[in-house]
């Protein structure tokens, strides 16, 4: 551990500093998101899944709400690595140099997993959801007249939760580093964790078996990967303790 010991006030001051930096980055990237929102919207509209959608608006505020959602997506993606880095800096004084070096790997890994989750939900899950809902509407003879707001709300409500869920291995790794979670505890919680992940998968995926299967299986695999990562991390920590003793 570092020789300097932090008081409660110093911890709170440090936490405040890290939160201010993260929030500042979020605001700046949100503004950047607003600037690039039209380009993002044109890119989304050019995708195959959006070819049959008429870009109607049914209210004066629909356009600005879509801009906000695009800006938020950009801001979250750009702020995530910064926020993770600030979290690492906050916990760094309580870690050894080796632990701090290992924890630094959380930043690119967390960002990569989030991007993978967002990409998976957009290119695979979202088209399946639209196809399923389209088939349901056609089966009852409904005339589909959608607005841009409904389309993007449906899309963002899927992208962000899936991206966050894909952070599971990083969260487990971080908790293992802190000693809050162990591989043994994770294995004991496997049945409960499976149930929770299945419920989450059903909630964020389209209401059909194929889509549920496509999201639940990756979630369960992520949990098993998390156990493996936790076990390796835990063994290294025990070895380091034995060496230091």
C-alpha atoms as a PDB file:
ATOM      1  CA  UNK A   1       0.000   0.000   0.000  1.00  0.00           C
ATOM      2  CA  UNK A   2       1.080   3.607  -0.442  1.00  0.00           C
ATOM      3  CA  UNK A   3       2.557   5.175   2.664  1.00  0.00           C
ATOM      4  CA  UNK A   4       0.172   8.133   2.661  1.00  0.00           C
ATOM      5  CA  UNK A   5      -3.047   7.374   4.481  1.00  0.00           C
ATOM      6  CA  UNK A   6      -6.164   9.220   3.471  1.00  0.00           C
ATOM      7  CA  UNK A   7      -8.657  10.589   5.988  1.00  0.00           C
ATOM      8  CA  UNK A   8     -12.396  10.419   5.379  1.00  0.00           C
ATOM      9  CA  UNK A   9     -12.444  14.092   4.381  1.00  0.00           C
ATOM     10  CA  UNK A  10      -9.592  13.537   1.921  1.00  0.00           C
ATOM     11  CA  UNK A  11     -11.417  10.525   0.456  1.00  0.00           C
ATOM     12  CA  UNK A  12     -14.575  12.588  -0.024  1.00  0.00           C
ATOM     13  CA  UNK A  13     -12.561  15.449  -1.537  1.00  0.00           C
ATOM     14  CA  UNK A  14     -10.874  13.034  -3.929  1.00  0.00           C
ATOM     15  CA  UNK A  15     -14.219  11.446  -4.838  1.00  0.00           C
ATOM     16  CA  UNK A  16     -15.702  14.891  -5.480  1.00  0.00           C
ATOM     17  CA  UNK A  17     -12.782  15.722  -7.755  1.00  0.00           C
ATOM     18  CA  UNK A  18     -13.229  12.531  -9.781  1.00  0.00           C
ATOM     19  CA  UNK A  19     -16.988  13.081 -10.094  1.00  0.00           C
ATOM     20  CA  UNK A  20     -16.497  16.674 -11.251  1.00  0.00           C
ATOM     21  CA  UNK A  21     -14.036  15.559 -13.942  1.00  0.00           C
ATOM     22  CA  UNK A  22     -16.369  12.786 -15.141  1.00  0.00           C
ATOM     23  CA  UNK A  23     -19.397  15.092 -15.196  1.00  0.00           C
ATOM     24  CA  UNK A  24     -17.423  17.778 -17.029  1.00  0.00           C
ATOM     25  CA  UNK A  25     -16.370  15.285 -19.695  1.00  0.00           C
ATOM     26  CA  UNK A  26     -19.978  14.104 -19.974  1.00  0.00           C
ATOM     27  CA  UNK A  27     -21.219  17.661 -20.592  1.00  0.00           C
ATOM     28  CA  UNK A  28     -18.481  18.437 -23.139  1.00  0.00           C
ATOM     29  CA  UNK A  29     -19.030  15.178 -25.044  1.00  0.00           C
ATOM     30  CA  UNK A  30     -22.786  15.786 -24.909  1.00  0.00           C
ATOM     31  CA  UNK A  31     -22.209  19.042 -26.782  1.00  0.00           C
ATOM     32  CA  UNK A  32     -19.975  17.178 -29.241  1.00  0.00           C
ATOM     33  CA  UNK A  33     -22.777  14.655 -29.642  1.00  0.00           C
ATOM     34  CA  UNK A  34     -25.197  17.435 -30.585  1.00  0.00           C
ATOM     35  CA  UNK A  35     -22.758  18.632 -33.260  1.00  0.00           C
ATOM     36  CA  UNK A  36     -22.428  15.187 -34.827  1.00  0.00           C
ATOM     37  CA  UNK A  37     -26.043  14.103 -34.244  1.00  0.00           C
ATOM     38  CA  UNK A  38     -27.122  14.849 -37.870  1.00  0.00           C
ATOM     39  CA  UNK A  39     -24.287  12.677 -39.229  1.00  0.00           C
ATOM     40  CA  UNK A  40     -25.217   9.866 -36.830  1.00  0.00           C
ATOM     41  CA  UNK A  41     -28.866  10.102 -37.854  1.00  0.00           C
ATOM     42  CA  UNK A  42     -27.963   9.960 -41.561  1.00  0.00           C
ATOM     43  CA  UNK A  43     -25.796   6.907 -40.886  1.00  0.00           C
ATOM     44  CA  UNK A  44     -28.643   5.160 -39.035  1.00  0.00           C
ATOM     45  CA  UNK A  45     -31.151   6.058 -41.743  1.00  0.00           C
ATOM     46  CA  UNK A  46     -28.829   4.574 -44.383  1.00  0.00           C
ATOM     47  CA  UNK A  47     -28.773   1.158 -42.700  1.00  0.00           C
ATOM     48  CA  UNK A  48     -30.768  -1.704 -44.224  1.00  0.00           C
ATOM     49  CA  UNK A  49     -32.945  -2.092 -41.144  1.00  0.00           C
ATOM     50  CA  UNK A  50     -34.223   1.482 -41.555  1.00  0.00           C
ATOM     51  CA  UNK A  51     -34.893   1.416 -45.294  1.00  0.00           C
ATOM     52  CA  UNK A  52     -38.635   0.765 -44.956  1.00  0.00           C
ATOM     53  CA  UNK A  53     -39.212   3.336 -42.221  1.00  0.00           C
ATOM     54  CA  UNK A  54     -40.877   6.641 -43.084  1.00  0.00           C
ATOM     55  CA  UNK A  55     -39.275   9.419 -41.038  1.00  0.00           C
ATOM     56  CA  UNK A  56     -42.437  11.014 -39.729  1.00  0.00           C
ATOM     57  CA  UNK A  57     -42.641  13.350 -36.770  1.00  0.00           C
ATOM     58  CA  UNK A  58     -45.880  13.782 -34.824  1.00  0.00           C
ATOM     59  CA  UNK A  59     -44.839  16.585 -32.512  1.00  0.00           C
ATOM     60  CA  UNK A  60     -42.730  19.724 -32.529  1.00  0.00           C
ATOM     61  CA  UNK A  61     -40.389  18.298 -29.895  1.00  0.00           C
ATOM     62  CA  UNK A  62     -39.773  14.957 -31.642  1.00  0.00           C
ATOM     63  CA  UNK A  63     -36.761  16.262 -33.558  1.00  0.00           C
ATOM     64  CA  UNK A  64     -34.978  17.676 -30.528  1.00  0.00           C
ATOM     65  CA  UNK A  65     -35.681  14.535 -28.484  1.00  0.00           C
ATOM     66  CA  UNK A  66     -33.980  12.448 -31.185  1.00  0.00           C
ATOM     67  CA  UNK A  67     -31.022  14.838 -31.181  1.00  0.00           C
ATOM     68  CA  UNK A  68     -30.756  14.420 -27.410  1.00  0.00           C
ATOM     69  CA  UNK A  69     -30.799  10.609 -27.651  1.00  0.00           C
ATOM     70  CA  UNK A  70     -28.036  10.624 -30.294  1.00  0.00           C
ATOM     71  CA  UNK A  71     -25.973  13.063 -28.252  1.00  0.00           C
ATOM     72  CA  UNK A  72     -26.448  10.930 -25.132  1.00  0.00           C
ATOM     73  CA  UNK A  73     -25.248   7.816 -26.941  1.00  0.00           C
ATOM     74  CA  UNK A  74     -22.100   9.629 -28.114  1.00  0.00           C
ATOM     75  CA  UNK A  75     -21.533  11.124 -24.666  1.00  0.00           C
ATOM     76  CA  UNK A  76     -21.915   7.787 -22.863  1.00  0.00           C
ATOM     77  CA  UNK A  77     -19.474   6.075 -25.246  1.00  0.00           C
ATOM     78  CA  UNK A  78     -16.863   8.830 -24.879  1.00  0.00           C
ATOM     79  CA  UNK A  79     -17.351   9.396 -21.142  1.00  0.00           C
ATOM     80  CA  UNK A  80     -17.192   5.728 -20.142  1.00  0.00           C
ATOM     81  CA  UNK A  81     -13.395   5.285 -20.518  1.00  0.00           C
ATOM     82  CA  UNK A  82     -12.777   8.608 -18.750  1.00  0.00           C
ATOM     83  CA  UNK A  83     -15.116   7.680 -15.881  1.00  0.00           C
ATOM     84  CA  UNK A  84     -13.433   4.288 -15.542  1.00  0.00           C
ATOM     85  CA  UNK A  85     -10.027   5.977 -15.491  1.00  0.00           C
ATOM     86  CA  UNK A  86     -11.203   8.360 -12.753  1.00  0.00           C
ATOM     87  CA  UNK A  87     -12.485   5.380 -10.768  1.00  0.00           C
ATOM     88  CA  UNK A  88      -9.076   3.751 -11.122  1.00  0.00           C
ATOM     89  CA  UNK A  89      -7.350   6.927  -9.921  1.00  0.00           C
ATOM     90  CA  UNK A  90      -9.684   7.063  -6.916  1.00  0.00           C
ATOM     91  CA  UNK A  91      -8.930   3.475  -5.867  1.00  0.00           C
ATOM     92  CA  UNK A  92      -5.227   3.597  -6.807  1.00  0.00           C
ATOM     93  CA  UNK A  93      -3.946   4.860  -3.397  1.00  0.00           C
ATOM     94  CA  UNK A  94      -5.365   1.755  -1.725  1.00  0.00           C
ATOM     95  CA  UNK A  95      -3.680  -0.650  -4.137  1.00  0.00           C
ATOM     96  CA  UNK A  96      -0.162  -1.918  -4.522  1.00  0.00           C
ATOM     97  CA  UNK A  97       1.771  -0.913  -7.628  1.00  0.00           C
ATOM     98  CA  UNK A  98       1.112  -4.300  -9.196  1.00  0.00           C
ATOM     99  CA  UNK A  99      -2.613  -4.164  -8.372  1.00  0.00           C
ATOM    100  CA  UNK A 100      -2.828  -0.598  -9.683  1.00  0.00           C
ATOM    101  CA  UNK A 101      -1.140  -1.659 -12.919  1.00  0.00           C
ATOM    102  CA  UNK A 102      -3.608  -4.529 -13.330  1.00  0.00           C
ATOM    103  CA  UNK A 103      -6.586  -2.337 -12.496  1.00  0.00           C
ATOM    104  CA  UNK A 104      -5.520   0.136 -15.215  1.00  0.00           C
ATOM    105  CA  UNK A 105      -6.475  -2.514 -17.762  1.00  0.00           C
ATOM    106  CA  UNK A 106     -10.114  -2.033 -16.739  1.00  0.00           C
ATOM    107  CA  UNK A 107     -10.349   1.174 -18.769  1.00  0.00           C
ATOM    108  CA  UNK A 108      -9.821  -0.154 -22.336  1.00  0.00           C
ATOM    109  CA  UNK A 109     -11.518  -3.445 -21.483  1.00  0.00           C
ATOM    110  CA  UNK A 110     -14.661  -1.738 -20.164  1.00  0.00           C
ATOM    111  CA  UNK A 111     -14.843   0.498 -23.223  1.00  0.00           C
ATOM    112  CA  UNK A 112     -14.325  -2.438 -25.593  1.00  0.00           C
ATOM    113  CA  UNK A 113     -17.041  -4.549 -23.941  1.00  0.00           C
ATOM    114  CA  UNK A 114     -19.506  -1.661 -24.018  1.00  0.00           C
ATOM    115  CA  UNK A 115     -18.890  -1.098 -27.734  1.00  0.00           C
ATOM    116  CA  UNK A 116     -19.270  -4.832 -28.394  1.00  0.00           C
ATOM    117  CA  UNK A 117     -22.559  -4.846 -26.486  1.00  0.00           C
ATOM    118  CA  UNK A 118     -23.903  -1.814 -28.365  1.00  0.00           C
ATOM    119  CA  UNK A 119     -22.821  -3.259 -31.730  1.00  0.00           C
ATOM    120  CA  UNK A 120     -24.346  -6.653 -30.910  1.00  0.00           C
ATOM    121  CA  UNK A 121     -27.670  -5.086 -29.943  1.00  0.00           C
ATOM    122  CA  UNK A 122     -27.792  -2.766 -32.968  1.00  0.00           C
ATOM    123  CA  UNK A 123     -26.691  -5.136 -35.745  1.00  0.00           C
ATOM    124  CA  UNK A 124     -28.297  -8.345 -34.429  1.00  0.00           C
ATOM    125  CA  UNK A 125     -30.956  -7.821 -31.765  1.00  0.00           C
ATOM    126  CA  UNK A 126     -32.549  -4.630 -33.077  1.00  0.00           C
ATOM    127  CA  UNK A 127     -33.290  -5.983 -36.596  1.00  0.00           C
ATOM    128  CA  UNK A 128     -34.767  -9.111 -35.010  1.00  0.00           C
ATOM    129  CA  UNK A 129     -36.968  -6.978 -32.777  1.00  0.00           C
ATOM    130  CA  UNK A 130     -38.232  -4.888 -35.694  1.00  0.00           C
ATOM    131  CA  UNK A 131     -38.863  -7.986 -37.802  1.00  0.00           C
ATOM    132  CA  UNK A 132     -40.827  -9.652 -34.992  1.00  0.00           C
ATOM    133  CA  UNK A 133     -42.951  -6.569 -34.283  1.00  0.00           C
ATOM    134  CA  UNK A 134     -43.526  -6.046 -38.006  1.00  0.00           C
ATOM    135  CA  UNK A 135     -44.800  -9.626 -38.381  1.00  0.00           C
ATOM    136  CA  UNK A 136     -47.147  -9.186 -35.408  1.00  0.00           C
ATOM    137  CA  UNK A 137     -48.583  -5.975 -36.853  1.00  0.00           C
ATOM    138  CA  UNK A 138     -49.027  -7.544 -40.287  1.00  0.00           C
ATOM    139  CA  UNK A 139     -50.757 -10.581 -38.787  1.00  0.00           C
ATOM    140  CA  UNK A 140     -53.507  -8.363 -37.359  1.00  0.00           C
ATOM    141  CA  UNK A 141     -53.773  -6.282 -40.518  1.00  0.00           C
ATOM    142  CA  UNK A 142     -52.462  -3.099 -38.914  1.00  0.00           C
ATOM    143  CA  UNK A 143     -51.230  -0.161 -40.965  1.00  0.00           C
ATOM    144  CA  UNK A 144     -47.758   0.755 -39.777  1.00  0.00           C
ATOM    145  CA  UNK A 145     -47.208   4.501 -39.510  1.00  0.00           C
ATOM    146  CA  UNK A 146     -44.216   5.141 -37.304  1.00  0.00           C
ATOM    147  CA  UNK A 147     -42.519   8.337 -36.270  1.00  0.00           C
ATOM    148  CA  UNK A 148     -38.796   8.917 -35.877  1.00  0.00           C
ATOM    149  CA  UNK A 149     -39.255   9.332 -32.142  1.00  0.00           C
ATOM    150  CA  UNK A 150     -40.783   5.850 -31.742  1.00  0.00           C
ATOM    151  CA  UNK A 151     -38.073   4.259 -33.885  1.00  0.00           C
ATOM    152  CA  UNK A 152     -35.143   5.819 -32.038  1.00  0.00           C
ATOM    153  CA  UNK A 153     -36.691   5.376 -28.598  1.00  0.00           C
ATOM    154  CA  UNK A 154     -37.090   1.660 -29.289  1.00  0.00           C
ATOM    155  CA  UNK A 155     -33.506   1.453 -30.551  1.00  0.00           C
ATOM    156  CA  UNK A 156     -31.861   3.356 -27.702  1.00  0.00           C
ATOM    157  CA  UNK A 157     -33.886   1.477 -25.085  1.00  0.00           C
ATOM    158  CA  UNK A 158     -32.180  -1.666 -26.380  1.00  0.00           C
ATOM    159  CA  UNK A 159     -28.649  -0.402 -27.133  1.00  0.00           C
ATOM    160  CA  UNK A 160     -27.766   1.188 -23.796  1.00  0.00           C
ATOM    161  CA  UNK A 161     -28.988  -1.644 -21.476  1.00  0.00           C
ATOM    162  CA  UNK A 162     -27.217  -4.331 -23.547  1.00  0.00           C
ATOM    163  CA  UNK A 163     -24.024  -2.275 -23.626  1.00  0.00           C
ATOM    164  CA  UNK A 164     -24.148  -1.919 -19.828  1.00  0.00           C
ATOM    165  CA  UNK A 165     -24.856  -5.632 -19.285  1.00  0.00           C
ATOM    166  CA  UNK A 166     -21.762  -6.499 -21.326  1.00  0.00           C
ATOM    167  CA  UNK A 167     -19.693  -4.774 -18.622  1.00  0.00           C
ATOM    168  CA  UNK A 168     -20.287  -7.772 -16.311  1.00  0.00           C
ATOM    169  CA  UNK A 169     -16.773  -9.320 -16.607  1.00  0.00           C
ATOM    170  CA  UNK A 170     -15.124  -5.972 -15.832  1.00  0.00           C
ATOM    171  CA  UNK A 171     -17.370  -5.413 -12.807  1.00  0.00           C
ATOM    172  CA  UNK A 172     -16.641  -8.907 -11.458  1.00  0.00           C
ATOM    173  CA  UNK A 173     -12.914  -8.433 -12.058  1.00  0.00           C
ATOM    174  CA  UNK A 174     -12.956  -5.106 -10.233  1.00  0.00           C
ATOM    175  CA  UNK A 175     -14.932  -6.520  -7.279  1.00  0.00           C
ATOM    176  CA  UNK A 176     -12.509  -9.448  -7.078  1.00  0.00           C
ATOM    177  CA  UNK A 177      -9.583  -7.033  -6.950  1.00  0.00           C
ATOM    178  CA  UNK A 178     -11.257  -5.276  -4.029  1.00  0.00           C
ATOM    179  CA  UNK A 179     -11.874  -8.591  -2.249  1.00  0.00           C
ATOM    180  CA  UNK A 180     -15.663  -8.183  -2.305  1.00  0.00           C
ATOM    181  CA  UNK A 181     -16.221 -11.147  -4.635  1.00  0.00           C
ATOM    182  CA  UNK A 182     -14.479 -14.525  -4.813  1.00  0.00           C
ATOM    183  CA  UNK A 183     -14.780 -17.378  -7.346  1.00  0.00           C
ATOM    184  CA  UNK A 184     -16.321 -19.591  -4.647  1.00  0.00           C
ATOM    185  CA  UNK A 185     -19.063 -17.059  -3.955  1.00  0.00           C
ATOM    186  CA  UNK A 186     -19.770 -16.686  -7.649  1.00  0.00           C
ATOM    187  CA  UNK A 187     -20.157 -20.437  -8.084  1.00  0.00           C
ATOM    188  CA  UNK A 188     -22.498 -20.635  -5.097  1.00  0.00           C
ATOM    189  CA  UNK A 189     -24.545 -17.824  -6.640  1.00  0.00           C
ATOM    190  CA  UNK A 190     -24.595 -19.431 -10.104  1.00  0.00           C
ATOM    191  CA  UNK A 191     -28.256 -20.567 -10.030  1.00  0.00           C
ATOM    192  CA  UNK A 192     -29.493 -17.240  -8.691  1.00  0.00           C
ATOM    193  CA  UNK A 193     -27.282 -15.341 -11.139  1.00  0.00           C
ATOM    194  CA  UNK A 194     -28.547 -17.425 -14.060  1.00  0.00           C
ATOM    195  CA  UNK A 195     -32.132 -16.667 -13.078  1.00  0.00           C
ATOM    196  CA  UNK A 196     -31.434 -12.926 -12.792  1.00  0.00           C
ATOM    197  CA  UNK A 197     -29.585 -12.850 -16.131  1.00  0.00           C
ATOM    198  CA  UNK A 198     -32.394 -14.773 -17.856  1.00  0.00           C
ATOM    199  CA  UNK A 199     -34.939 -12.291 -16.496  1.00  0.00           C
ATOM    200  CA  UNK A 200     -32.787  -9.373 -17.676  1.00  0.00           C
ATOM    201  CA  UNK A 201     -32.339 -11.018 -21.087  1.00  0.00           C
ATOM    202  CA  UNK A 202     -36.077 -11.524 -21.517  1.00  0.00           C
ATOM    203  CA  UNK A 203     -36.776  -7.938 -20.448  1.00  0.00           C
ATOM    204  CA  UNK A 204     -34.360  -6.269 -22.878  1.00  0.00           C
ATOM    205  CA  UNK A 205     -34.839  -8.596 -25.860  1.00  0.00           C
ATOM    206  CA  UNK A 206     -37.744  -8.815 -28.325  1.00  0.00           C
ATOM    207  CA  UNK A 207     -40.617 -11.014 -27.104  1.00  0.00           C
ATOM    208  CA  UNK A 208     -39.813 -14.116 -29.129  1.00  0.00           C
ATOM    209  CA  UNK A 209     -37.822 -17.263 -28.411  1.00  0.00           C
ATOM    210  CA  UNK A 210     -35.059 -16.686 -30.982  1.00  0.00           C
ATOM    211  CA  UNK A 211     -34.269 -13.185 -29.710  1.00  0.00           C
ATOM    212  CA  UNK A 212     -34.392 -14.337 -26.084  1.00  0.00           C
ATOM    213  CA  UNK A 213     -31.969 -17.140 -26.941  1.00  0.00           C
ATOM    214  CA  UNK A 214     -29.589 -14.739 -28.726  1.00  0.00           C
ATOM    215  CA  UNK A 215     -29.324 -12.406 -25.742  1.00  0.00           C
ATOM    216  CA  UNK A 216     -29.535 -14.931 -22.872  1.00  0.00           C
ATOM    217  CA  UNK A 217     -26.748 -17.196 -24.153  1.00  0.00           C
ATOM    218  CA  UNK A 218     -24.165 -14.361 -24.369  1.00  0.00           C
ATOM    219  CA  UNK A 219     -25.189 -13.180 -20.888  1.00  0.00           C
ATOM    220  CA  UNK A 220     -24.642 -16.642 -19.406  1.00  0.00           C
ATOM    221  CA  UNK A 221     -21.318 -16.943 -21.246  1.00  0.00           C
ATOM    222  CA  UNK A 222     -20.281 -13.550 -19.869  1.00  0.00           C
ATOM    223  CA  UNK A 223     -21.050 -14.782 -16.364  1.00  0.00           C
ATOM    224  CA  UNK A 224     -18.966 -17.934 -16.847  1.00  0.00           C
ATOM    225  CA  UNK A 225     -16.131 -15.851 -18.306  1.00  0.00           C
ATOM    226  CA  UNK A 226     -16.450 -13.618 -15.243  1.00  0.00           C
ATOM    227  CA  UNK A 227     -15.955 -16.631 -12.957  1.00  0.00           C
ATOM    228  CA  UNK A 228     -12.820 -17.680 -14.871  1.00  0.00           C
ATOM    229  CA  UNK A 229     -11.454 -14.116 -14.744  1.00  0.00           C
ATOM    230  CA  UNK A 230     -12.264 -13.871 -11.038  1.00  0.00           C
ATOM    231  CA  UNK A 231     -10.564 -17.203 -10.313  1.00  0.00           C
ATOM    232  CA  UNK A 232      -7.339 -16.227 -12.092  1.00  0.00           C
ATOM    233  CA  UNK A 233      -7.304 -12.841 -10.385  1.00  0.00           C
ATOM    234  CA  UNK A 234      -7.976 -14.378  -6.978  1.00  0.00           C
ATOM    235  CA  UNK A 235      -5.167 -16.939  -7.389  1.00  0.00           C
ATOM    236  CA  UNK A 236      -2.714 -14.191  -8.333  1.00  0.00           C
ATOM    237  CA  UNK A 237      -3.705 -12.222  -5.252  1.00  0.00           C
ATOM    238  CA  UNK A 238      -3.151 -15.232  -3.015  1.00  0.00           C
ATOM    239  CA  UNK A 239       0.255 -15.892  -4.620  1.00  0.00           C
ATOM    240  CA  UNK A 240       1.254 -12.256  -4.109  1.00  0.00           C
ATOM    241  CA  UNK A 241       0.261 -12.460  -0.436  1.00  0.00           C
ATOM    242  CA  UNK A 242       2.293 -15.646   0.055  1.00  0.00           C
ATOM    243  CA  UNK A 243       5.326 -14.048  -1.580  1.00  0.00           C
ATOM    244  CA  UNK A 244       5.009 -10.898   0.518  1.00  0.00           C
ATOM    245  CA  UNK A 245       4.731 -12.977   3.701  1.00  0.00           C
END
